[in-house]
Amino acid sequence: MRTIIIGCGRMGAGLAQILSRSGHAVTVVDKDPASLERLGPAFKGNVIKGVGFDREVLLAAGVEKVDGLAALTDSDEVNIVVARIASQVFRVPRVVARLHDPRKADIYRRLGLQTVAPITWGIKQVADLLSYSPLDAILSLGSGEANVVAVEIPLLLVGRTARELTVSGEIHVVAISREGKAFLPTLGTVFQKGDLVYLVVLAASTNRLKALLGLS
């Protein structure tokens, strides 16, 4: 995979090192030479000194041929400009922009941009670690608006169907693990004792899911 990372702060440098060690072709762009030094001598990728939203800089980084671009500078405004250029002008397949101010998430979303908000994710992770929950959240989607959760089907739902755990636009059963094998269910799939059920649920609908599971 070929990736461009705009911004070589701690997050950008860390991502670049992980991807490079995994065998990916990585190019890092930053206007500050001192920031690029964070990559260290063992970094196998390419580095370019320049402004991330400069067309010539992006072309020099190979934006026309990459599989993904991450805009991870310390400026939301720069990140959104870079992300839009990458996705709309150069048609980069996967574009992610770092978001420092979670209040701007709706703006990014309306522009069709995938964002990561480290502060929001960090707060949620700490809250999850401090709070007991019978639902095992295994993946956070978007900026935390939805989660993939896993739960062993409770006895009250054994013999019932996936339809009874489905709320359109809020809660969907996406997979079931049964006797060590996973499969994708239909709305008519009948739950069996011991089933581990994976669901996608809006964060705002978590309590509704707990009520359906008899956990509230």
N, C-alpha and C. Protein backbone atom coordinates (compact mmCIF):
# COMPACT_ATOMS: atom_id res chain seq x y z
N MET A 1 0.84 -1.19 0.00
CA MET A 1 0.00 0.00 0.00
C MET A 1 0.88 1.25 0.00
N ARG A 2 0.50 2.23 -0.78
CA ARG A 2 1.24 3.49 -0.86
C ARG A 2 0.44 4.58 -0.16
N THR A 3 1.09 5.26 0.77
CA THR A 3 0.40 6.23 1.61
C THR A 3 1.19 7.52 1.75
N ILE A 4 0.47 8.63 1.76
CA ILE A 4 1.06 9.93 2.06
C ILE A 4 0.55 10.37 3.42
N ILE A 5 1.45 10.84 4.25
CA ILE A 5 1.07 11.39 5.56
C ILE A 5 1.47 12.85 5.58
N ILE A 6 0.51 13.73 5.78
CA ILE A 6 0.75 15.16 5.85
C ILE A 6 0.79 15.56 7.32
N GLY A 7 1.96 15.99 7.79
CA GLY A 7 2.11 16.36 9.19
C GLY A 7 2.90 15.32 9.94
N CYS A 8 4.04 15.74 10.46
CA CYS A 8 4.92 14.79 11.15
C CYS A 8 5.04 15.10 12.63
N GLY A 9 3.89 15.30 13.25
CA GLY A 9 3.86 15.41 14.70
C GLY A 9 3.96 14.01 15.29
N ARG A 10 3.61 13.87 16.57
CA ARG A 10 3.72 12.55 17.19
C ARG A 10 2.81 11.53 16.52
N MET A 11 1.60 11.95 16.15
CA MET A 11 0.67 11.02 15.52
C MET A 11 1.13 10.66 14.12
N GLY A 12 1.53 11.66 13.35
CA GLY A 12 1.98 11.40 11.98
C GLY A 12 3.23 10.55 11.93
N ALA A 13 4.20 10.86 12.80
CA ALA A 13 5.44 10.09 12.83
C ALA A 13 5.18 8.66 13.28
N GLY A 14 4.33 8.51 14.29
CA GLY A 14 4.02 7.16 14.76
C GLY A 14 3.34 6.32 13.71
N LEU A 15 2.40 6.92 13.00
CA LEU A 15 1.71 6.21 11.93
C LEU A 15 2.68 5.83 10.82
N ALA A 16 3.54 6.76 10.45
CA ALA A 16 4.52 6.51 9.38
C ALA A 16 5.43 5.34 9.74
N GLN A 17 5.88 5.29 10.97
CA GLN A 17 6.78 4.21 11.39
C GLN A 17 6.08 2.86 11.40
N ILE A 18 4.82 2.84 11.86
CA ILE A 18 4.07 1.59 11.88
C ILE A 18 3.84 1.06 10.48
N LEU A 19 3.40 1.95 9.57
CA LEU A 19 3.13 1.53 8.20
C LEU A 19 4.40 1.09 7.49
N SER A 20 5.48 1.83 7.74
CA SER A 20 6.76 1.49 7.09
C SER A 20 7.26 0.13 7.56
N ARG A 21 7.17 -0.11 8.87
CA ARG A 21 7.62 -1.40 9.40
C ARG A 21 6.76 -2.55 8.87
N SER A 22 5.53 -2.24 8.47
CA SER A 22 4.63 -3.27 7.93
C SER A 22 4.84 -3.50 6.44
N GLY A 23 5.81 -2.78 5.88
CA GLY A 23 6.15 -2.99 4.47
C GLY A 23 5.45 -2.06 3.50
N HIS A 24 4.74 -1.07 3.99
CA HIS A 24 4.06 -0.13 3.11
C HIS A 24 5.01 0.97 2.62
N ALA A 25 4.73 1.51 1.46
CA ALA A 25 5.51 2.62 0.91
C ALA A 25 4.92 3.92 1.45
N VAL A 26 5.69 4.64 2.25
CA VAL A 26 5.17 5.82 2.95
C VAL A 26 5.97 7.06 2.57
N THR A 27 5.26 8.15 2.31
CA THR A 27 5.88 9.45 2.10
C THR A 27 5.31 10.42 3.12
N VAL A 28 6.18 11.09 3.86
CA VAL A 28 5.76 12.02 4.90
C VAL A 28 6.09 13.44 4.47
N VAL A 29 5.12 14.33 4.61
CA VAL A 29 5.30 15.73 4.23
C VAL A 29 5.12 16.61 5.46
N ASP A 30 6.06 17.53 5.67
CA ASP A 30 5.95 18.52 6.74
C ASP A 30 6.79 19.73 6.36
N LYS A 31 6.32 20.90 6.74
CA LYS A 31 7.05 22.12 6.41
C LYS A 31 8.22 22.38 7.34
N ASP A 32 8.25 21.65 8.46
CA ASP A 32 9.30 21.86 9.47
C ASP A 32 10.31 20.71 9.44
N PRO A 33 11.56 20.97 9.06
CA PRO A 33 12.57 19.91 9.02
C PRO A 33 12.76 19.22 10.37
N ALA A 34 12.60 19.99 11.46
CA ALA A 34 12.78 19.42 12.79
C ALA A 34 11.71 18.36 13.08
N SER A 35 10.51 18.59 12.57
CA SER A 35 9.44 17.61 12.77
C SER A 35 9.75 16.31 12.03
N LEU A 36 10.32 16.43 10.84
CA LEU A 36 10.65 15.23 10.07
C LEU A 36 11.71 14.39 10.75
N GLU A 37 12.51 15.01 11.62
CA GLU A 37 13.55 14.26 12.34
C GLU A 37 12.94 13.27 13.33
N ARG A 38 11.67 13.44 13.67
CA ARG A 38 11.00 12.50 14.57
C ARG A 38 11.00 11.07 14.00
N LEU A 39 11.09 10.98 12.70
CA LEU A 39 11.02 9.66 12.05
C LEU A 39 12.23 8.80 12.38
N GLY A 40 13.35 9.43 12.65
CA GLY A 40 14.55 8.68 13.02
C GLY A 40 15.26 8.06 11.83
N PRO A 41 16.49 7.64 12.03
CA PRO A 41 17.30 7.10 10.94
C PRO A 41 16.82 5.76 10.40
N ALA A 42 16.02 5.04 11.16
CA ALA A 42 15.56 3.72 10.73
C ALA A 42 14.37 3.79 9.78
N PHE A 43 13.80 4.97 9.60
CA PHE A 43 12.62 5.11 8.74
C PHE A 43 12.98 4.84 7.29
N LYS A 44 12.24 3.95 6.64
CA LYS A 44 12.55 3.51 5.28
C LYS A 44 11.81 4.30 4.20
N GLY A 45 10.87 5.15 4.59
CA GLY A 45 10.06 5.84 3.59
C GLY A 45 10.72 7.11 3.08
N ASN A 46 9.93 7.91 2.37
CA ASN A 46 10.41 9.17 1.81
C ASN A 46 9.91 10.34 2.64
N VAL A 47 10.67 11.42 2.66
CA VAL A 47 10.26 12.64 3.36
C VAL A 47 10.36 13.81 2.39
N ILE A 48 9.41 14.72 2.52
CA ILE A 48 9.39 15.92 1.68
C ILE A 48 9.13 17.13 2.57
N LYS A 49 9.97 18.13 2.47
CA LYS A 49 9.76 19.37 3.21
C LYS A 49 8.88 20.27 2.36
N GLY A 50 7.72 20.63 2.88
CA GLY A 50 6.81 21.48 2.13
C GLY A 50 5.46 21.59 2.80
N VAL A 51 4.60 22.43 2.22
CA VAL A 51 3.25 22.64 2.74
C VAL A 51 2.32 21.60 2.13
N GLY A 52 1.57 20.93 2.96
CA GLY A 52 0.78 19.79 2.52
C GLY A 52 -0.30 20.08 1.51
N PHE A 53 -0.82 21.32 1.47
CA PHE A 53 -1.88 21.61 0.50
C PHE A 53 -1.33 22.22 -0.79
N ASP A 54 -0.01 22.29 -0.92
CA ASP A 54 0.61 22.78 -2.15
C ASP A 54 0.53 21.70 -3.22
N ARG A 55 -0.04 22.02 -4.35
CA ARG A 55 -0.25 21.05 -5.43
C ARG A 55 1.06 20.40 -5.86
N GLU A 56 2.12 21.21 -6.01
CA GLU A 56 3.40 20.67 -6.46
C GLU A 56 4.00 19.73 -5.43
N VAL A 57 3.79 20.05 -4.17
CA VAL A 57 4.30 19.18 -3.10
C VAL A 57 3.56 17.84 -3.14
N LEU A 58 2.25 17.89 -3.31
CA LEU A 58 1.47 16.66 -3.38
C LEU A 58 1.86 15.82 -4.59
N LEU A 59 2.08 16.48 -5.71
CA LEU A 59 2.51 15.75 -6.91
C LEU A 59 3.87 15.10 -6.69
N ALA A 60 4.77 15.83 -6.03
CA ALA A 60 6.10 15.28 -5.75
C ALA A 60 6.01 14.08 -4.81
N ALA A 61 4.98 14.09 -3.95
CA ALA A 61 4.79 12.97 -3.01
C ALA A 61 4.12 11.78 -3.69
N GLY A 62 3.67 11.96 -4.93
CA GLY A 62 3.06 10.86 -5.66
C GLY A 62 1.57 10.70 -5.43
N VAL A 63 0.89 11.82 -5.17
CA VAL A 63 -0.53 11.75 -4.82
C VAL A 63 -1.38 11.12 -5.92
N GLU A 64 -0.93 11.17 -7.15
CA GLU A 64 -1.72 10.61 -8.25
C GLU A 64 -1.73 9.08 -8.26
N LYS A 65 -0.84 8.48 -7.47
CA LYS A 65 -0.72 7.02 -7.52
C LYS A 65 -0.89 6.33 -6.17
N VAL A 66 -1.18 7.10 -5.13
CA VAL A 66 -1.25 6.49 -3.80
C VAL A 66 -2.59 5.84 -3.52
N ASP A 67 -2.60 4.97 -2.52
CA ASP A 67 -3.82 4.28 -2.10
C ASP A 67 -4.54 5.03 -0.98
N GLY A 68 -3.77 5.84 -0.24
CA GLY A 68 -4.38 6.55 0.88
C GLY A 68 -3.58 7.77 1.27
N LEU A 69 -4.27 8.71 1.94
CA LEU A 69 -3.62 9.92 2.45
C LEU A 69 -4.20 10.25 3.81
N ALA A 70 -3.34 10.59 4.75
CA ALA A 70 -3.77 11.01 6.08
C ALA A 70 -3.29 12.43 6.33
N ALA A 71 -4.23 13.34 6.60
CA ALA A 71 -3.90 14.73 6.91
C ALA A 71 -3.89 14.88 8.43
N LEU A 72 -2.71 14.97 9.00
CA LEU A 72 -2.56 14.91 10.47
C LEU A 72 -1.81 16.09 11.04
N THR A 73 -1.97 17.28 10.45
CA THR A 73 -1.28 18.46 10.97
C THR A 73 -1.98 18.95 12.23
N ASP A 74 -1.43 20.00 12.84
CA ASP A 74 -2.04 20.53 14.06
C ASP A 74 -3.11 21.58 13.75
N SER A 75 -3.51 21.68 12.48
CA SER A 75 -4.53 22.65 12.08
C SER A 75 -5.70 21.94 11.42
N ASP A 76 -6.91 22.08 11.97
CA ASP A 76 -8.10 21.49 11.36
C ASP A 76 -8.33 22.05 9.96
N GLU A 77 -8.06 23.36 9.81
CA GLU A 77 -8.30 24.01 8.52
C GLU A 77 -7.37 23.44 7.44
N VAL A 78 -6.10 23.25 7.78
CA VAL A 78 -5.16 22.67 6.83
C VAL A 78 -5.58 21.24 6.49
N ASN A 79 -5.94 20.50 7.51
CA ASN A 79 -6.33 19.10 7.29
C ASN A 79 -7.53 18.96 6.36
N ILE A 80 -8.52 19.84 6.53
CA ILE A 80 -9.70 19.74 5.69
C ILE A 80 -9.40 20.13 4.25
N VAL A 81 -8.52 21.13 4.06
CA VAL A 81 -8.14 21.54 2.71
C VAL A 81 -7.38 20.42 2.01
N VAL A 82 -6.40 19.85 2.71
CA VAL A 82 -5.61 18.76 2.14
C VAL A 82 -6.50 17.57 1.80
N ALA A 83 -7.39 17.22 2.73
CA ALA A 83 -8.27 16.07 2.52
C ALA A 83 -9.18 16.27 1.31
N ARG A 84 -9.71 17.46 1.16
CA ARG A 84 -10.61 17.73 0.03
C ARG A 84 -9.85 17.71 -1.30
N ILE A 85 -8.66 18.26 -1.30
CA ILE A 85 -7.85 18.23 -2.52
C ILE A 85 -7.55 16.79 -2.90
N ALA A 86 -7.14 16.00 -1.91
CA ALA A 86 -6.78 14.60 -2.18
C ALA A 86 -7.97 13.81 -2.70
N SER A 87 -9.13 13.99 -2.08
CA SER A 87 -10.29 13.18 -2.46
C SER A 87 -10.99 13.68 -3.71
N GLN A 88 -11.10 15.00 -3.87
CA GLN A 88 -11.88 15.54 -4.97
C GLN A 88 -11.06 15.84 -6.22
N VAL A 89 -9.82 16.28 -6.03
CA VAL A 89 -9.00 16.62 -7.18
C VAL A 89 -8.22 15.41 -7.69
N PHE A 90 -7.57 14.70 -6.75
CA PHE A 90 -6.71 13.58 -7.15
C PHE A 90 -7.37 12.22 -6.99
N ARG A 91 -8.59 12.19 -6.46
CA ARG A 91 -9.36 10.95 -6.32
C ARG A 91 -8.60 9.87 -5.56
N VAL A 92 -7.95 10.25 -4.49
CA VAL A 92 -7.28 9.26 -3.64
C VAL A 92 -8.36 8.38 -3.00
N PRO A 93 -8.22 7.06 -3.10
CA PRO A 93 -9.29 6.15 -2.62
C PRO A 93 -9.63 6.28 -1.14
N ARG A 94 -8.60 6.43 -0.30
CA ARG A 94 -8.84 6.49 1.15
C ARG A 94 -8.19 7.75 1.70
N VAL A 95 -9.01 8.61 2.30
CA VAL A 95 -8.52 9.87 2.86
C VAL A 95 -9.05 10.02 4.28
N VAL A 96 -8.13 10.32 5.20
CA VAL A 96 -8.51 10.52 6.61
C VAL A 96 -7.93 11.85 7.08
N ALA A 97 -8.74 12.63 7.80
CA ALA A 97 -8.29 13.90 8.32
C ALA A 97 -8.38 13.92 9.84
N ARG A 98 -7.32 14.40 10.47
CA ARG A 98 -7.34 14.52 11.93
C ARG A 98 -8.19 15.72 12.33
N LEU A 99 -8.96 15.54 13.37
CA LEU A 99 -9.87 16.59 13.84
C LEU A 99 -9.53 16.93 15.29
N HIS A 100 -9.09 18.17 15.52
CA HIS A 100 -8.76 18.60 16.88
C HIS A 100 -10.00 19.09 17.62
N ASP A 101 -10.91 19.70 16.90
CA ASP A 101 -12.13 20.23 17.51
C ASP A 101 -13.31 19.34 17.13
N PRO A 102 -13.76 18.46 18.05
CA PRO A 102 -14.85 17.53 17.73
C PRO A 102 -16.13 18.22 17.29
N ARG A 103 -16.29 19.51 17.64
CA ARG A 103 -17.50 20.24 17.27
C ARG A 103 -17.61 20.44 15.76
N LYS A 104 -16.47 20.26 15.05
CA LYS A 104 -16.48 20.43 13.60
C LYS A 104 -16.78 19.12 12.87
N ALA A 105 -17.05 18.07 13.61
CA ALA A 105 -17.23 16.74 12.99
C ALA A 105 -18.35 16.75 11.96
N ASP A 106 -19.46 17.44 12.25
CA ASP A 106 -20.58 17.47 11.31
C ASP A 106 -20.19 18.14 10.00
N ILE A 107 -19.36 19.18 10.08
CA ILE A 107 -18.92 19.87 8.87
C ILE A 107 -18.12 18.92 8.00
N TYR A 108 -17.18 18.21 8.61
CA TYR A 108 -16.37 17.25 7.87
C TYR A 108 -17.25 16.18 7.23
N ARG A 109 -18.22 15.70 8.01
CA ARG A 109 -19.06 14.61 7.54
C ARG A 109 -19.88 15.03 6.33
N ARG A 110 -20.41 16.28 6.36
CA ARG A 110 -21.19 16.77 5.23
C ARG A 110 -20.34 16.90 3.97
N LEU A 111 -19.04 17.07 4.18
CA LEU A 111 -18.13 17.17 3.04
C LEU A 111 -17.67 15.79 2.58
N GLY A 112 -18.16 14.75 3.24
CA GLY A 112 -17.82 13.39 2.84
C GLY A 112 -16.44 12.94 3.27
N LEU A 113 -15.91 13.53 4.35
CA LEU A 113 -14.56 13.22 4.79
C LEU A 113 -14.57 12.35 6.04
N GLN A 114 -13.71 11.34 6.05
CA GLN A 114 -13.53 10.48 7.22
C GLN A 114 -12.58 11.19 8.18
N THR A 115 -12.96 11.27 9.46
CA THR A 115 -12.13 11.98 10.43
C THR A 115 -11.75 11.09 11.60
N VAL A 116 -10.67 11.48 12.28
CA VAL A 116 -10.30 10.87 13.55
C VAL A 116 -10.13 12.00 14.55
N ALA A 117 -10.72 11.84 15.72
CA ALA A 117 -10.63 12.85 16.77
C ALA A 117 -9.98 12.20 17.99
N PRO A 118 -8.65 12.27 18.11
CA PRO A 118 -7.95 11.59 19.20
C PRO A 118 -8.47 11.94 20.59
N ILE A 119 -8.85 13.20 20.79
CA ILE A 119 -9.34 13.59 22.11
C ILE A 119 -10.64 12.87 22.43
N THR A 120 -11.57 12.87 21.46
CA THR A 120 -12.85 12.20 21.67
C THR A 120 -12.65 10.71 21.91
N TRP A 121 -11.82 10.07 21.09
CA TRP A 121 -11.56 8.65 21.24
C TRP A 121 -10.90 8.36 22.58
N GLY A 122 -9.94 9.22 22.97
CA GLY A 122 -9.23 9.01 24.23
C GLY A 122 -10.16 9.09 25.41
N ILE A 123 -11.05 10.09 25.41
CA ILE A 123 -12.01 10.25 26.50
C ILE A 123 -12.92 9.04 26.59
N LYS A 124 -13.42 8.60 25.41
CA LYS A 124 -14.32 7.45 25.39
C LYS A 124 -13.60 6.19 25.89
N GLN A 125 -12.34 6.01 25.49
CA GLN A 125 -11.60 4.81 25.91
C GLN A 125 -11.41 4.78 27.41
N VAL A 126 -11.05 5.93 27.99
CA VAL A 126 -10.87 6.00 29.44
C VAL A 126 -12.20 5.72 30.14
N ALA A 127 -13.27 6.32 29.62
CA ALA A 127 -14.60 6.09 30.22
C ALA A 127 -14.96 4.62 30.17
N ASP A 128 -14.67 3.97 29.04
CA ASP A 128 -14.97 2.54 28.91
C ASP A 128 -14.16 1.71 29.89
N LEU A 129 -12.90 2.09 30.09
CA LEU A 129 -12.03 1.34 31.00
C LEU A 129 -12.48 1.48 32.46
N LEU A 130 -13.08 2.64 32.76
CA LEU A 130 -13.49 2.90 34.13
C LEU A 130 -14.90 2.41 34.43
N SER A 131 -15.65 2.11 33.38
CA SER A 131 -17.05 1.75 33.55
C SER A 131 -17.28 0.30 33.13
N TYR A 132 -17.93 -0.46 34.00
CA TYR A 132 -18.29 -1.83 33.62
C TYR A 132 -19.45 -1.80 32.64
N SER A 133 -19.38 -2.61 31.63
CA SER A 133 -20.50 -2.73 30.69
C SER A 133 -20.59 -4.17 30.23
N PRO A 134 -21.80 -4.73 30.20
CA PRO A 134 -21.95 -6.10 29.71
C PRO A 134 -21.74 -6.20 28.20
N LEU A 135 -21.70 -5.05 27.52
CA LEU A 135 -21.44 -5.02 26.09
C LEU A 135 -19.96 -4.82 25.85
N ASP A 136 -19.37 -5.68 25.07
CA ASP A 136 -17.94 -5.60 24.77
C ASP A 136 -17.74 -4.82 23.48
N ALA A 137 -17.38 -3.52 23.59
CA ALA A 137 -17.15 -2.68 22.41
C ALA A 137 -15.79 -3.04 21.82
N ILE A 138 -15.80 -3.51 20.57
CA ILE A 138 -14.55 -3.96 19.97
C ILE A 138 -14.05 -3.03 18.87
N LEU A 139 -14.90 -2.08 18.45
CA LEU A 139 -14.47 -1.15 17.41
C LEU A 139 -15.36 0.09 17.46
N SER A 140 -14.69 1.27 17.39
CA SER A 140 -15.41 2.53 17.33
C SER A 140 -15.37 3.03 15.89
N LEU A 141 -16.51 3.48 15.38
CA LEU A 141 -16.60 3.92 13.99
C LEU A 141 -16.77 5.42 13.90
N GLY A 142 -16.22 6.00 12.79
CA GLY A 142 -16.29 7.44 12.62
C GLY A 142 -15.56 8.13 13.75
N SER A 143 -16.21 9.07 14.40
CA SER A 143 -15.62 9.76 15.55
C SER A 143 -16.29 9.30 16.84
N GLY A 144 -16.73 8.06 16.85
CA GLY A 144 -17.35 7.50 18.04
C GLY A 144 -18.87 7.49 18.00
N GLU A 145 -19.45 7.88 16.83
CA GLU A 145 -20.91 7.93 16.73
C GLU A 145 -21.54 6.54 16.74
N ALA A 146 -20.78 5.53 16.31
CA ALA A 146 -21.29 4.16 16.29
C ALA A 146 -20.20 3.21 16.74
N ASN A 147 -20.62 2.06 17.26
CA ASN A 147 -19.67 1.06 17.75
C ASN A 147 -20.07 -0.33 17.29
N VAL A 148 -19.07 -1.17 17.12
CA VAL A 148 -19.32 -2.59 16.95
C VAL A 148 -19.17 -3.23 18.32
N VAL A 149 -20.20 -3.92 18.77
CA VAL A 149 -20.17 -4.54 20.09
C VAL A 149 -20.42 -6.04 19.97
N ALA A 150 -19.94 -6.77 20.96
CA ALA A 150 -20.14 -8.22 21.00
C ALA A 150 -20.79 -8.58 22.33
N VAL A 151 -21.75 -9.49 22.27
CA VAL A 151 -22.42 -9.91 23.50
C VAL A 151 -22.88 -11.35 23.33
N GLU A 152 -22.73 -12.14 24.39
CA GLU A 152 -23.28 -13.50 24.35
C GLU A 152 -24.79 -13.39 24.50
N ILE A 153 -25.49 -14.07 23.62
CA ILE A 153 -26.95 -13.91 23.59
C ILE A 153 -27.55 -14.34 24.93
N PRO A 154 -28.34 -13.50 25.55
CA PRO A 154 -28.96 -13.87 26.84
C PRO A 154 -30.04 -14.93 26.66
N LEU A 155 -30.33 -15.65 27.73
CA LEU A 155 -31.29 -16.76 27.66
C LEU A 155 -32.66 -16.30 27.17
N LEU A 156 -33.05 -15.07 27.51
CA LEU A 156 -34.39 -14.61 27.13
C LEU A 156 -34.54 -14.45 25.62
N LEU A 157 -33.40 -14.40 24.87
CA LEU A 157 -33.47 -14.26 23.42
C LEU A 157 -33.15 -15.56 22.68
N VAL A 158 -32.80 -16.61 23.41
CA VAL A 158 -32.57 -17.91 22.76
C VAL A 158 -33.88 -18.37 22.14
N GLY A 159 -33.84 -18.74 20.85
CA GLY A 159 -35.03 -19.15 20.15
C GLY A 159 -35.73 -18.00 19.44
N ARG A 160 -35.27 -16.76 19.69
CA ARG A 160 -35.82 -15.60 19.00
C ARG A 160 -34.97 -15.29 17.78
N THR A 161 -35.41 -14.37 16.95
CA THR A 161 -34.71 -14.09 15.70
C THR A 161 -33.92 -12.78 15.75
N ALA A 162 -33.00 -12.64 14.79
CA ALA A 162 -32.19 -11.43 14.70
C ALA A 162 -33.05 -10.20 14.48
N ARG A 163 -34.21 -10.38 13.89
CA ARG A 163 -35.13 -9.26 13.66
C ARG A 163 -35.48 -8.56 14.96
N GLU A 164 -35.53 -9.33 16.06
CA GLU A 164 -35.93 -8.75 17.33
C GLU A 164 -34.82 -7.96 18.00
N LEU A 165 -33.62 -8.00 17.43
CA LEU A 165 -32.52 -7.17 17.92
C LEU A 165 -32.14 -6.09 16.89
N THR A 166 -33.02 -5.90 15.92
CA THR A 166 -32.74 -4.94 14.85
C THR A 166 -33.66 -3.74 14.96
N VAL A 167 -33.06 -2.56 14.95
CA VAL A 167 -33.81 -1.31 14.91
C VAL A 167 -33.26 -0.52 13.74
N SER A 168 -34.04 -0.35 12.70
CA SER A 168 -33.56 0.28 11.48
C SER A 168 -32.88 1.62 11.75
N GLY A 169 -31.65 1.74 11.24
CA GLY A 169 -30.90 2.98 11.39
C GLY A 169 -30.24 3.15 12.74
N GLU A 170 -30.44 2.18 13.65
CA GLU A 170 -29.87 2.31 14.99
C GLU A 170 -29.08 1.08 15.44
N ILE A 171 -29.65 -0.09 15.25
CA ILE A 171 -29.04 -1.33 15.75
C ILE A 171 -29.17 -2.41 14.68
N HIS A 172 -28.04 -3.04 14.32
CA HIS A 172 -28.07 -4.10 13.32
C HIS A 172 -27.18 -5.26 13.76
N VAL A 173 -27.67 -6.47 13.63
CA VAL A 173 -26.87 -7.67 13.89
C VAL A 173 -26.05 -7.94 12.63
N VAL A 174 -24.73 -7.92 12.76
CA VAL A 174 -23.89 -8.06 11.56
C VAL A 174 -23.21 -9.42 11.45
N ALA A 175 -23.04 -10.12 12.58
CA ALA A 175 -22.40 -11.44 12.52
C ALA A 175 -22.72 -12.21 13.79
N ILE A 176 -22.63 -13.54 13.69
CA ILE A 176 -22.82 -14.42 14.84
C ILE A 176 -21.70 -15.45 14.84
N SER A 177 -21.11 -15.66 16.00
CA SER A 177 -20.11 -16.71 16.15
C SER A 177 -20.78 -17.85 16.93
N ARG A 178 -20.82 -19.03 16.30
CA ARG A 178 -21.52 -20.19 16.90
C ARG A 178 -20.61 -21.42 16.80
N GLU A 179 -20.29 -21.97 17.95
CA GLU A 179 -19.43 -23.17 18.02
C GLU A 179 -18.12 -22.96 17.25
N GLY A 180 -17.56 -21.76 17.42
CA GLY A 180 -16.26 -21.48 16.84
C GLY A 180 -16.26 -21.04 15.39
N LYS A 181 -17.45 -20.94 14.79
CA LYS A 181 -17.55 -20.53 13.39
C LYS A 181 -18.44 -19.30 13.28
N ALA A 182 -17.98 -18.32 12.48
CA ALA A 182 -18.75 -17.09 12.31
C ALA A 182 -19.53 -17.13 11.00
N PHE A 183 -20.69 -16.48 11.00
CA PHE A 183 -21.49 -16.38 9.78
C PHE A 183 -22.29 -15.08 9.83
N LEU A 184 -22.77 -14.66 8.66
CA LEU A 184 -23.59 -13.45 8.55
C LEU A 184 -25.06 -13.86 8.60
N PRO A 185 -25.80 -13.35 9.56
CA PRO A 185 -27.19 -13.79 9.72
C PRO A 185 -28.15 -13.02 8.82
N THR A 186 -29.33 -13.56 8.66
CA THR A 186 -30.46 -12.85 8.06
C THR A 186 -31.36 -12.40 9.20
N LEU A 187 -32.38 -11.62 8.88
CA LEU A 187 -33.31 -11.18 9.93
C LEU A 187 -34.04 -12.37 10.53
N GLY A 188 -34.13 -13.46 9.78
CA GLY A 188 -34.83 -14.64 10.28
C GLY A 188 -33.96 -15.63 11.02
N THR A 189 -32.66 -15.36 11.13
CA THR A 189 -31.77 -16.28 11.85
C THR A 189 -32.19 -16.41 13.31
N VAL A 190 -32.27 -17.64 13.78
CA VAL A 190 -32.70 -17.91 15.16
C VAL A 190 -31.49 -18.02 16.07
N PHE A 191 -31.51 -17.28 17.17
CA PHE A 191 -30.41 -17.32 18.13
C PHE A 191 -30.42 -18.65 18.89
N GLN A 192 -29.21 -19.15 19.14
CA GLN A 192 -29.06 -20.36 19.93
C GLN A 192 -28.23 -20.07 21.19
N LYS A 193 -28.38 -20.90 22.18
CA LYS A 193 -27.64 -20.73 23.42
C LYS A 193 -26.14 -20.76 23.12
N GLY A 194 -25.39 -19.80 23.69
CA GLY A 194 -23.96 -19.74 23.49
C GLY A 194 -23.52 -18.88 22.31
N ASP A 195 -24.49 -18.39 21.52
CA ASP A 195 -24.14 -17.53 20.38
C ASP A 195 -23.45 -16.26 20.88
N LEU A 196 -22.36 -15.88 20.20
CA LEU A 196 -21.72 -14.59 20.42
C LEU A 196 -22.17 -13.70 19.26
N VAL A 197 -22.90 -12.67 19.60
CA VAL A 197 -23.53 -11.83 18.58
C VAL A 197 -22.78 -10.50 18.44
N TYR A 198 -22.48 -10.14 17.20
CA TYR A 198 -21.82 -8.87 16.91
C TYR A 198 -22.85 -7.91 16.31
N LEU A 199 -22.90 -6.72 16.88
CA LEU A 199 -23.87 -5.73 16.42
C LEU A 199 -23.20 -4.40 16.16
N VAL A 200 -23.74 -3.63 15.22
CA VAL A 200 -23.36 -2.24 15.05
C VAL A 200 -24.48 -1.41 15.67
N VAL A 201 -24.10 -0.50 16.59
CA VAL A 201 -25.11 0.28 17.30
C VAL A 201 -24.66 1.73 17.39
N LEU A 202 -25.59 2.64 17.16
CA LEU A 202 -25.30 4.05 17.37
C LEU A 202 -25.02 4.27 18.85
N ALA A 203 -24.05 5.12 19.15
CA ALA A 203 -23.73 5.39 20.55
C ALA A 203 -24.97 5.87 21.31
N ALA A 204 -25.79 6.66 20.63
CA ALA A 204 -26.99 7.19 21.26
C ALA A 204 -28.05 6.13 21.51
N SER A 205 -27.89 4.95 20.89
CA SER A 205 -28.89 3.88 21.02
C SER A 205 -28.40 2.74 21.91
N THR A 206 -27.29 2.94 22.61
CA THR A 206 -26.72 1.88 23.44
C THR A 206 -27.70 1.43 24.52
N ASN A 207 -28.35 2.38 25.18
CA ASN A 207 -29.30 2.01 26.24
C ASN A 207 -30.50 1.25 25.67
N ARG A 208 -30.88 1.60 24.45
CA ARG A 208 -31.98 0.88 23.82
C ARG A 208 -31.58 -0.57 23.55
N LEU A 209 -30.34 -0.77 23.12
CA LEU A 209 -29.84 -2.13 22.89
C LEU A 209 -29.82 -2.91 24.20
N LYS A 210 -29.36 -2.29 25.26
CA LYS A 210 -29.32 -2.96 26.56
C LYS A 210 -30.72 -3.39 26.98
N ALA A 211 -31.70 -2.54 26.71
CA ALA A 211 -33.08 -2.89 27.06
C ALA A 211 -33.57 -4.09 26.25
N LEU A 212 -33.21 -4.13 24.96
CA LEU A 212 -33.62 -5.25 24.13
C LEU A 212 -32.96 -6.56 24.59
N LEU A 213 -31.75 -6.44 25.14
CA LEU A 213 -31.02 -7.61 25.61
C LEU A 213 -31.40 -7.98 27.05
N GLY A 214 -32.20 -7.12 27.68
CA GLY A 214 -32.57 -7.37 29.06
C GLY A 214 -31.44 -7.06 30.03
N LEU A 215 -30.56 -6.13 29.65
CA LEU A 215 -29.38 -5.82 30.46
C LEU A 215 -29.52 -4.50 31.22
N SER A 216 -30.59 -3.76 30.96
CA SER A 216 -30.74 -2.45 31.60
C SER A 216 -31.41 -2.57 32.97
